[in-house]
Amino acid sequence: MPDQKLPAITIAMPVYNCAATVAAAILSIQNQIFTDWELIIIDDGSTDDTWSVANKFSDPRITLIKQDRNLGLPTRLNEAVQLSRGEYFARMDGDDISYPERFALQYEYICKHPEVDLLGCAILIFDAEGQAKGVRQGRLTHEQIRGGFASSFSMAHVTWIGRRDWFVRNPYRASAFHSQDRELLMRTYPHSRFAALPDVLVGVREPGVHLKKLLPARCQYGRFLLLESISQRSPFLLGAVGAEIGKAGLDLVAVASGLNYSLLRHRIPTLPASERERWDAVRKTINVSNATVMTAFAG
């Protein structure tokens, strides 16, 4: 019997307690214009009904793995890389939404640009009810993604796609629970090439600014910056440590005052009318609200 055809793209979706949102995330992958993919869902020790919801999908392109212990996103992503069969490896989260054209456009670009190791795109921010809040336009070039002291190494993690062998050579740091994406960008920047499409291709769920997530991420990333600045003997990385300390203070004031996005306006720029229309079109085929996504899978 001939060997089974390998998929072009492996999409990794580690999930933890995403019962209310994972169905919409999976549906957004099934709705892709580009169909030559496999989806690896790793339940990272969820304590809710995430496994039950995900298990209702019978698509042969979906592999569902249940783990009893919660070991964190970087560990599960490394596992997914080892299990992947595609030439390309892509990210997806259990509470976000990929636009139907996402992988068609990203695959076309990265195939035409073999010098690019890792590709991202712009994102739309939506709240818990699925309402669009704004567009976060990512940086496009390798140098822009590195950024400056004030904002170093930024490319929305959920938008990533790259060659599988790059992820094999550059595994996630297992201890970087809160900053695995920025740490990997920082560590691999000198010998890799990054890029991003200007198109909004992923909707990211952000109900608000949460201090318990922001501060650990800032502190952890600052520590890795310091260690890597010593390893690389990089004044740039050392300067970025101070910037992270300053931003942590701003986040603290924003959340403590209750102003959240009112103070941190840079986190969500304005929402163009055209992007609202595109998002509304996506919502017509995928219900992205926390309250109602489960009803379609009840029974």
Protein backbone atom coordinates (compact mmCIF):
# COMPACT_ATOMS: atom_id res chain seq x y z
CA MET A 1 0.00 0.00 0.00
CA PRO A 2 1.47 3.43 -0.91
CA ASP A 3 2.50 5.77 1.85
CA GLN A 4 -0.13 8.19 3.07
CA LYS A 5 0.26 11.66 1.57
CA LEU A 6 1.82 14.07 4.04
CA PRO A 7 0.08 17.40 4.71
CA ALA A 8 1.70 20.63 3.62
CA ILE A 9 1.03 22.34 6.97
CA THR A 10 0.80 21.01 10.51
CA ILE A 11 -1.25 23.33 12.73
CA ALA A 12 -0.56 22.95 16.46
CA MET A 13 -3.27 23.88 18.96
CA PRO A 14 -2.36 23.16 22.58
CA VAL A 15 -5.42 23.90 24.72
CA TYR A 16 -6.14 24.30 28.41
CA ASN A 17 -9.64 24.92 29.81
CA CYS A 18 -11.02 26.24 26.52
CA ALA A 19 -14.37 24.42 26.56
CA ALA A 20 -16.36 27.58 25.74
CA THR A 21 -14.17 28.64 22.80
CA VAL A 22 -12.36 25.65 21.30
CA ALA A 23 -15.22 24.66 18.96
CA ALA A 24 -15.10 28.03 17.20
CA ALA A 25 -11.31 27.82 16.93
CA ILE A 26 -11.50 24.37 15.32
CA LEU A 27 -14.29 25.46 12.97
CA SER A 28 -12.13 28.35 11.78
CA ILE A 29 -9.49 25.82 10.72
CA GLN A 30 -12.03 23.61 8.98
CA ASN A 31 -13.26 26.69 7.10
CA GLN A 32 -9.82 27.38 5.59
CA ILE A 33 -9.64 27.89 1.82
CA PHE A 34 -6.34 26.01 2.00
CA THR A 35 -7.23 22.40 2.81
CA ASP A 36 -3.89 20.54 2.80
CA TRP A 37 -3.35 20.61 6.57
CA GLU A 38 -3.38 18.50 9.70
CA LEU A 39 -4.45 19.87 13.07
CA ILE A 40 -2.83 18.52 16.24
CA ILE A 41 -4.83 19.41 19.35
CA ILE A 42 -3.10 18.66 22.65
CA ASP A 43 -5.29 18.96 25.75
CA ASP A 44 -2.80 20.13 28.36
CA GLY A 45 -4.52 18.66 31.43
CA SER A 46 -7.77 20.62 31.17
CA THR A 47 -10.15 20.42 34.12
CA ASP A 48 -13.26 21.53 32.18
CA ASP A 49 -15.02 20.01 29.13
CA THR A 50 -12.39 21.01 26.57
CA TRP A 51 -11.67 17.38 25.67
CA SER A 52 -15.37 16.52 25.26
CA VAL A 53 -16.01 19.47 22.95
CA ALA A 54 -12.93 18.86 20.79
CA ASN A 55 -13.70 15.14 20.61
CA LYS A 56 -17.00 15.83 18.84
CA PHE A 57 -15.10 16.68 15.64
CA SER A 58 -14.60 13.64 13.39
CA ASP A 59 -12.40 15.23 10.73
CA PRO A 60 -9.62 12.74 9.79
CA ARG A 61 -7.20 15.66 9.51
CA ILE A 62 -7.55 16.32 13.24
CA THR A 63 -5.45 14.46 15.80
CA LEU A 64 -6.59 14.89 19.41
CA ILE A 65 -4.23 14.04 22.25
CA LYS A 66 -5.20 14.11 25.91
CA GLN A 67 -2.50 14.74 28.54
CA ASP A 68 -3.24 14.41 32.24
CA ARG A 69 -0.72 16.97 33.50
CA ASN A 70 -0.66 20.69 32.77
CA LEU A 71 2.91 21.31 31.59
CA GLY A 72 2.40 24.59 29.75
CA LEU A 73 2.35 25.89 26.19
CA PRO A 74 6.07 25.68 25.29
CA THR A 75 6.34 22.02 26.31
CA ARG A 76 3.22 21.07 24.37
CA LEU A 77 4.37 23.01 21.30
CA ASN A 78 7.65 21.11 21.32
CA GLU A 79 5.67 17.88 21.50
CA ALA A 80 3.54 18.98 18.56
CA VAL A 81 6.65 19.74 16.50
CA GLN A 82 7.89 16.19 17.05
CA LEU A 83 4.50 14.75 16.07
CA SER A 84 4.06 17.00 13.04
CA ARG A 85 4.23 15.61 9.50
CA GLY A 86 3.91 18.79 7.47
CA GLU A 87 6.74 20.64 5.78
CA TYR A 88 5.47 23.75 7.54
CA PHE A 89 4.47 24.17 11.18
CA ALA A 90 1.87 26.74 12.24
CA ARG A 91 0.35 28.02 15.48
CA MET A 92 -3.25 28.29 16.62
CA ASP A 93 -4.86 28.94 20.01
CA GLY A 94 -8.04 27.44 21.41
CA ASP A 95 -9.75 30.79 21.94
CA ASP A 96 -8.84 32.61 18.72
CA ILE A 97 -10.19 32.59 15.15
CA SER A 98 -8.28 32.15 11.89
CA TYR A 99 -9.77 33.91 8.89
CA PRO A 100 -10.64 31.53 5.99
CA GLU A 101 -7.85 32.86 3.77
CA ARG A 102 -5.13 32.79 6.46
CA PHE A 103 -3.18 29.71 5.45
CA ALA A 104 -3.72 30.17 1.72
CA LEU A 105 -1.97 33.54 1.88
CA GLN A 106 0.72 32.54 4.36
CA TYR A 107 1.57 29.33 2.50
CA GLU A 108 1.82 31.17 -0.82
CA TYR A 109 4.15 33.77 0.65
CA ILE A 110 6.49 31.45 2.54
CA CYS A 111 6.82 29.12 -0.45
CA LYS A 112 7.85 32.08 -2.61
CA HIS A 113 10.31 33.37 0.02
CA PRO A 114 12.54 30.46 1.11
CA GLU A 115 14.79 32.90 2.98
CA VAL A 116 11.99 33.52 5.52
CA ASP A 117 12.08 31.16 8.51
CA LEU A 118 9.07 32.51 10.37
CA LEU A 119 6.04 34.42 9.06
CA GLY A 120 3.28 36.25 10.90
CA CYS A 121 0.43 38.64 10.05
CA ALA A 122 -1.74 41.39 11.52
CA ILE A 123 -4.50 40.57 14.02
CA LEU A 124 -7.97 41.82 14.94
CA ILE A 125 -8.80 42.08 18.65
CA PHE A 126 -12.27 40.99 19.78
CA ASP A 127 -13.90 40.78 23.19
CA ALA A 128 -15.67 37.95 25.03
CA GLU A 129 -18.90 38.63 23.13
CA GLY A 130 -17.14 38.45 19.77
CA GLN A 131 -17.30 42.20 19.11
CA ALA A 132 -14.38 43.68 17.17
CA LYS A 133 -12.36 46.19 19.22
CA GLY A 134 -9.46 47.14 16.96
CA VAL A 135 -6.66 46.03 14.68
CA ARG A 136 -3.10 45.47 15.81
CA GLN A 137 -0.96 45.95 12.73
CA GLY A 138 2.20 43.91 13.11
CA ARG A 139 5.70 44.81 12.04
CA LEU A 140 6.55 43.50 8.60
CA THR A 141 10.32 43.16 8.20
CA HIS A 142 13.00 41.28 10.10
CA GLU A 143 14.46 44.50 11.50
CA GLN A 144 11.06 45.91 12.43
CA ILE A 145 10.14 42.73 14.28
CA ARG A 146 13.26 43.10 16.38
CA GLY A 147 12.14 46.66 17.15
CA GLY A 148 13.89 49.10 19.44
CA PHE A 149 14.66 49.32 23.14
CA ALA A 150 11.10 50.32 23.97
CA SER A 151 9.43 47.41 22.18
CA SER A 152 11.66 44.51 21.26
CA PHE A 153 10.82 41.28 19.43
CA SER A 154 7.14 41.50 18.65
CA MET A 155 5.14 39.23 16.34
CA ALA A 156 1.79 37.83 17.45
CA HIS A 157 2.47 34.22 18.42
CA VAL A 158 -0.81 32.77 17.19
CA THR A 159 -0.02 34.01 13.65
CA TRP A 160 3.26 32.11 13.24
CA ILE A 161 4.04 29.70 10.43
CA GLY A 162 7.48 28.42 9.54
CA ARG A 163 9.35 25.45 8.23
CA ARG A 164 9.16 22.45 10.50
CA ASP A 165 12.93 21.95 10.50
CA TRP A 166 13.40 25.48 11.87
CA PHE A 167 11.25 24.60 14.89
CA VAL A 168 13.15 21.33 15.30
CA ARG A 169 16.46 23.20 15.39
CA ASN A 170 15.05 25.94 17.62
CA PRO A 171 12.77 24.41 20.26
CA TYR A 172 10.77 26.52 22.69
CA ARG A 173 12.34 27.07 26.09
CA ALA A 174 10.23 24.89 28.38
CA SER A 175 10.61 27.25 31.34
CA ALA A 176 9.32 30.27 29.38
CA PHE A 177 5.68 29.75 30.38
CA HIS A 178 4.71 33.41 29.99
CA SER A 179 7.08 34.64 27.26
CA GLN A 180 7.88 31.66 25.04
CA ASP A 181 7.28 33.56 21.80
CA ARG A 182 9.37 36.66 22.51
CA GLU A 183 12.13 34.57 24.07
CA LEU A 184 12.33 32.40 20.94
CA LEU A 185 12.39 35.44 18.63
CA MET A 186 15.13 37.02 20.72
CA ARG A 187 17.25 33.86 20.88
CA THR A 188 17.02 33.03 17.18
CA TYR A 189 17.11 36.52 15.66
CA PRO A 190 20.86 36.54 14.87
CA HIS A 191 20.67 33.43 12.68
CA SER A 192 17.07 33.52 11.38
CA ARG A 193 14.87 35.63 9.13
CA PHE A 194 11.41 36.87 10.16
CA ALA A 195 8.62 38.57 8.21
CA ALA A 196 4.90 39.29 8.46
CA LEU A 197 2.05 39.93 6.06
CA PRO A 198 0.16 43.24 6.43
CA ASP A 199 -3.17 41.40 6.13
CA VAL A 200 -5.41 40.83 9.14
CA LEU A 201 -5.75 37.03 9.14
CA VAL A 202 -6.39 36.08 12.79
CA GLY A 203 -8.93 37.27 15.34
CA VAL A 204 -7.51 37.28 18.87
CA ARG A 205 -9.77 37.17 21.92
CA GLU A 206 -8.77 39.79 24.53
CA PRO A 207 -11.47 40.50 27.14
CA GLY A 208 -9.21 43.09 28.82
CA VAL A 209 -5.84 43.76 30.41
CA HIS A 210 -5.08 41.25 33.16
CA LEU A 211 -2.30 42.05 35.59
CA LYS A 212 -1.78 38.44 36.59
CA LYS A 213 -0.82 37.67 32.98
CA LEU A 214 1.01 40.86 32.08
CA LEU A 215 3.42 41.21 34.97
CA PRO A 216 4.73 37.63 35.02
CA ALA A 217 5.30 37.88 31.27
CA ARG A 218 7.16 41.18 31.61
CA CYS A 219 9.32 39.91 34.47
CA GLN A 220 10.13 36.60 32.83
CA TYR A 221 10.95 38.15 29.47
CA GLY A 222 13.13 40.77 31.19
CA ARG A 223 15.10 38.01 32.89
CA PHE A 224 15.66 36.19 29.60
CA LEU A 225 16.70 39.47 27.98
CA LEU A 226 19.30 39.97 30.66
CA LEU A 227 20.67 36.44 30.31
CA GLU A 228 20.77 36.65 26.52
CA SER A 229 22.39 40.10 26.59
CA ILE A 230 25.26 38.54 28.54
CA SER A 231 25.43 35.53 26.23
CA GLN A 232 25.40 37.64 23.05
CA ARG A 233 27.27 40.57 24.63
CA SER A 234 24.51 42.77 23.25
CA PRO A 235 24.01 46.37 24.46
CA PHE A 236 20.69 46.37 22.58
CA LEU A 237 19.28 43.52 24.66
CA LEU A 238 20.56 45.09 27.85
CA GLY A 239 18.77 48.33 26.99
CA ALA A 240 15.57 46.41 26.31
CA VAL A 241 15.62 45.12 29.91
CA GLY A 242 15.09 48.65 31.21
CA ALA A 243 12.25 49.20 28.75
CA GLU A 244 10.43 46.10 30.02
CA ILE A 245 10.69 47.39 33.59
CA GLY A 246 9.12 50.67 32.52
CA LYS A 247 6.28 48.99 30.64
CA ALA A 248 5.55 46.76 33.61
CA GLY A 249 5.03 49.90 35.66
CA LEU A 250 2.64 51.33 33.06
CA ASP A 251 0.66 48.08 32.98
CA LEU A 252 0.42 48.12 36.77
CA VAL A 253 -0.96 51.67 36.79
CA ALA A 254 -3.42 50.89 33.98
CA VAL A 255 -4.93 47.87 35.70
CA ALA A 256 -4.82 49.26 39.25
CA SER A 257 -6.62 52.42 38.12
CA GLY A 258 -9.26 50.48 36.20
CA LEU A 259 -8.46 52.38 33.00
CA ASN A 260 -7.08 49.34 31.18
CA TYR A 261 -7.29 50.01 27.42
CA SER A 262 -8.18 53.66 28.00
CA LEU A 263 -4.62 54.17 29.24
CA LEU A 264 -2.98 51.53 27.08
CA ARG A 265 -4.42 52.77 23.78
CA HIS A 266 -1.31 51.62 21.91
CA ARG A 267 -2.41 48.01 22.47
CA ILE A 268 -5.45 48.41 20.22
CA PRO A 269 -5.35 51.04 17.44
CA THR A 270 -8.53 52.16 15.68
CA LEU A 271 -10.75 49.72 13.81
CA PRO A 272 -11.14 50.44 10.07
CA ALA A 273 -14.66 49.99 8.77
CA SER A 274 -13.44 47.53 6.15
CA GLU A 275 -11.94 45.30 8.83
CA ARG A 276 -15.13 45.37 10.86
CA GLU A 277 -17.01 44.19 7.77
CA ARG A 278 -14.51 41.37 7.18
CA TRP A 279 -14.81 40.29 10.83
CA ASP A 280 -18.60 40.35 10.68
CA ALA A 281 -18.43 38.07 7.63
CA VAL A 282 -16.29 35.60 9.58
CA ARG A 283 -18.74 35.71 12.49
CA LYS A 284 -21.59 34.73 10.17
CA THR A 285 -20.02 31.31 9.70
CA ILE A 286 -18.46 30.91 13.16
CA ASN A 287 -20.09 31.86 16.44
CA VAL A 288 -17.21 33.30 18.50
CA SER A 289 -19.03 34.34 21.69
CA ASN A 290 -18.30 32.49 24.93
CA ALA A 291 -21.98 32.17 25.80
CA THR A 292 -23.33 30.46 22.70
CA VAL A 293 -20.60 28.43 21.05
CA MET A 294 -21.37 25.39 23.19
CA THR A 295 -25.03 25.23 22.22
CA ALA A 296 -24.19 24.07 18.71
CA PHE A 297 -22.42 21.05 20.20
CA ALA A 298 -24.83 20.19 23.01
CA GLY A 299 -26.34 16.77 23.19
